[in-house]
């Protein structure tokens, strides 16, 4: 995840595949949810495959922190957590130096 550039997004499934954990997108999300904040891991750049922040009361406000961090990077996010995934999706092969 450290390779995801500022102002770019990745999906949980995309990261799971990159680490060889095919089909483990949900488990990746659970692991990220347990990070202590603030974190040096750019967890906020990982969103679901529908192009949304996974908004939930169980996140205890980290969903709103994620929204604010993405907005600060220039990625528009609406109040429901929707964002333009296609426009900001990170393509690791195209950014081999990242």
Protein backbone atom coordinates (compact mmCIF):
# COMPACT_ATOMS: atom_id res chain seq x y z
CA UNK A 1 0.00 0.00 0.00
CA UNK A 2 2.91 2.34 0.53
CA UNK A 3 3.28 2.41 -3.27
CA UNK A 4 -0.16 3.98 -3.83
CA UNK A 5 0.71 7.54 -4.87
CA UNK A 6 -0.70 10.68 -3.31
CA UNK A 7 -3.98 11.51 -5.05
CA UNK A 8 -4.60 7.95 -6.27
CA UNK A 9 -6.89 5.15 -5.09
CA UNK A 10 -6.77 1.38 -4.95
CA UNK A 11 -9.49 -1.13 -4.10
CA UNK A 12 -9.37 -3.70 -1.32
CA UNK A 13 -9.48 -6.44 -3.95
CA UNK A 14 -6.68 -4.87 -5.96
CA UNK A 15 -4.37 -4.76 -2.93
CA UNK A 16 -5.35 -8.30 -1.89
CA UNK A 17 -4.39 -9.57 -5.35
CA UNK A 18 -1.09 -7.64 -5.33
CA UNK A 19 -0.06 -9.37 -2.10
CA UNK A 20 -1.17 -12.78 -3.40
CA UNK A 21 -4.27 -13.00 -1.21
CA UNK A 22 -6.81 -13.52 -4.00
CA UNK A 23 -10.40 -13.25 -2.80
CA UNK A 24 -9.43 -11.72 0.54
CA UNK A 25 -10.57 -8.13 0.00
CA UNK A 26 -12.86 -8.21 3.03
CA UNK A 27 -10.11 -9.55 5.27
CA UNK A 28 -7.81 -6.77 4.08
CA UNK A 29 -10.48 -4.25 5.06
CA UNK A 30 -10.75 -5.78 8.51
CA UNK A 31 -6.98 -5.61 8.94
CA UNK A 32 -6.86 -1.95 7.89
CA UNK A 33 -9.68 -1.13 10.29
CA UNK A 34 -7.45 -2.25 13.15
CA UNK A 35 -4.62 0.18 12.38
CA UNK A 36 -3.91 2.71 15.09
CA UNK A 37 -4.41 6.27 13.89
CA UNK A 38 -2.56 8.25 12.82
CA UNK A 39 -0.72 5.69 10.71
CA UNK A 40 2.15 5.86 8.22
CA UNK A 41 0.24 3.30 6.12
CA UNK A 42 -1.81 5.16 3.45
CA UNK A 43 -4.93 3.16 4.38
CA UNK A 44 -7.17 6.04 3.37
CA UNK A 45 -6.32 5.48 -0.32
CA UNK A 46 -8.00 2.05 -0.30
CA UNK A 47 -11.73 1.97 -1.09
CA UNK A 48 -14.30 -0.61 -2.12
CA UNK A 49 -14.77 -1.83 -5.69
CA UNK A 50 -17.92 0.29 -6.11
CA UNK A 51 -15.87 3.46 -5.71
CA UNK A 52 -17.06 4.24 -2.22
CA UNK A 53 -15.64 4.66 1.22
CA UNK A 54 -17.11 1.87 3.33
CA UNK A 55 -19.17 4.08 5.64
CA UNK A 56 -20.19 2.35 8.88
CA UNK A 57 -20.88 3.16 12.51
CA UNK A 58 -18.51 0.33 13.42
CA UNK A 59 -15.62 2.36 11.99
CA UNK A 60 -15.97 4.80 14.89
CA UNK A 61 -15.36 7.86 12.73
CA UNK A 62 -12.44 6.57 10.66
CA UNK A 63 -14.69 6.70 7.59
CA UNK A 64 -14.98 10.46 8.03
CA UNK A 65 -11.23 10.73 8.64
CA UNK A 66 -10.71 8.80 5.39
CA UNK A 67 -13.04 11.20 3.58
CA UNK A 68 -11.16 14.25 4.89
CA UNK A 69 -7.75 12.78 3.97
CA UNK A 70 -8.90 12.01 0.42
CA UNK A 71 -10.38 15.49 0.02
CA UNK A 72 -7.04 16.93 1.17
CA UNK A 73 -5.35 14.94 -1.63
CA UNK A 74 -7.71 16.45 -4.20
CA UNK A 75 -10.02 13.46 -4.58
CA UNK A 76 -13.67 14.56 -4.51
CA UNK A 77 -15.87 12.57 -2.11
CA UNK A 78 -19.56 13.20 -1.54
CA UNK A 79 -21.37 12.95 1.81
CA UNK A 80 -22.28 9.30 1.12
CA UNK A 81 -18.64 8.38 0.50
CA UNK A 82 -18.88 8.08 -3.31
CA UNK A 83 -15.84 9.08 -5.34
CA UNK A 84 -14.72 8.94 -9.00
CA UNK A 85 -12.78 5.67 -8.79
CA UNK A 86 -12.15 5.34 -12.52
CA UNK A 87 -10.55 8.78 -12.66
CA UNK A 88 -8.27 8.27 -9.65
CA UNK A 89 -7.62 4.51 -9.77
CA UNK A 90 -3.97 3.57 -9.38
CA UNK A 91 -2.58 1.21 -12.00
CA UNK A 92 0.58 -0.33 -10.51
CA UNK A 93 1.94 -1.55 -13.87
CA UNK A 94 1.68 1.97 -15.31
CA UNK A 95 3.48 3.38 -12.25
CA UNK A 96 6.27 0.83 -11.89
CA UNK A 97 8.49 3.38 -10.15
CA UNK A 98 5.85 4.19 -7.52
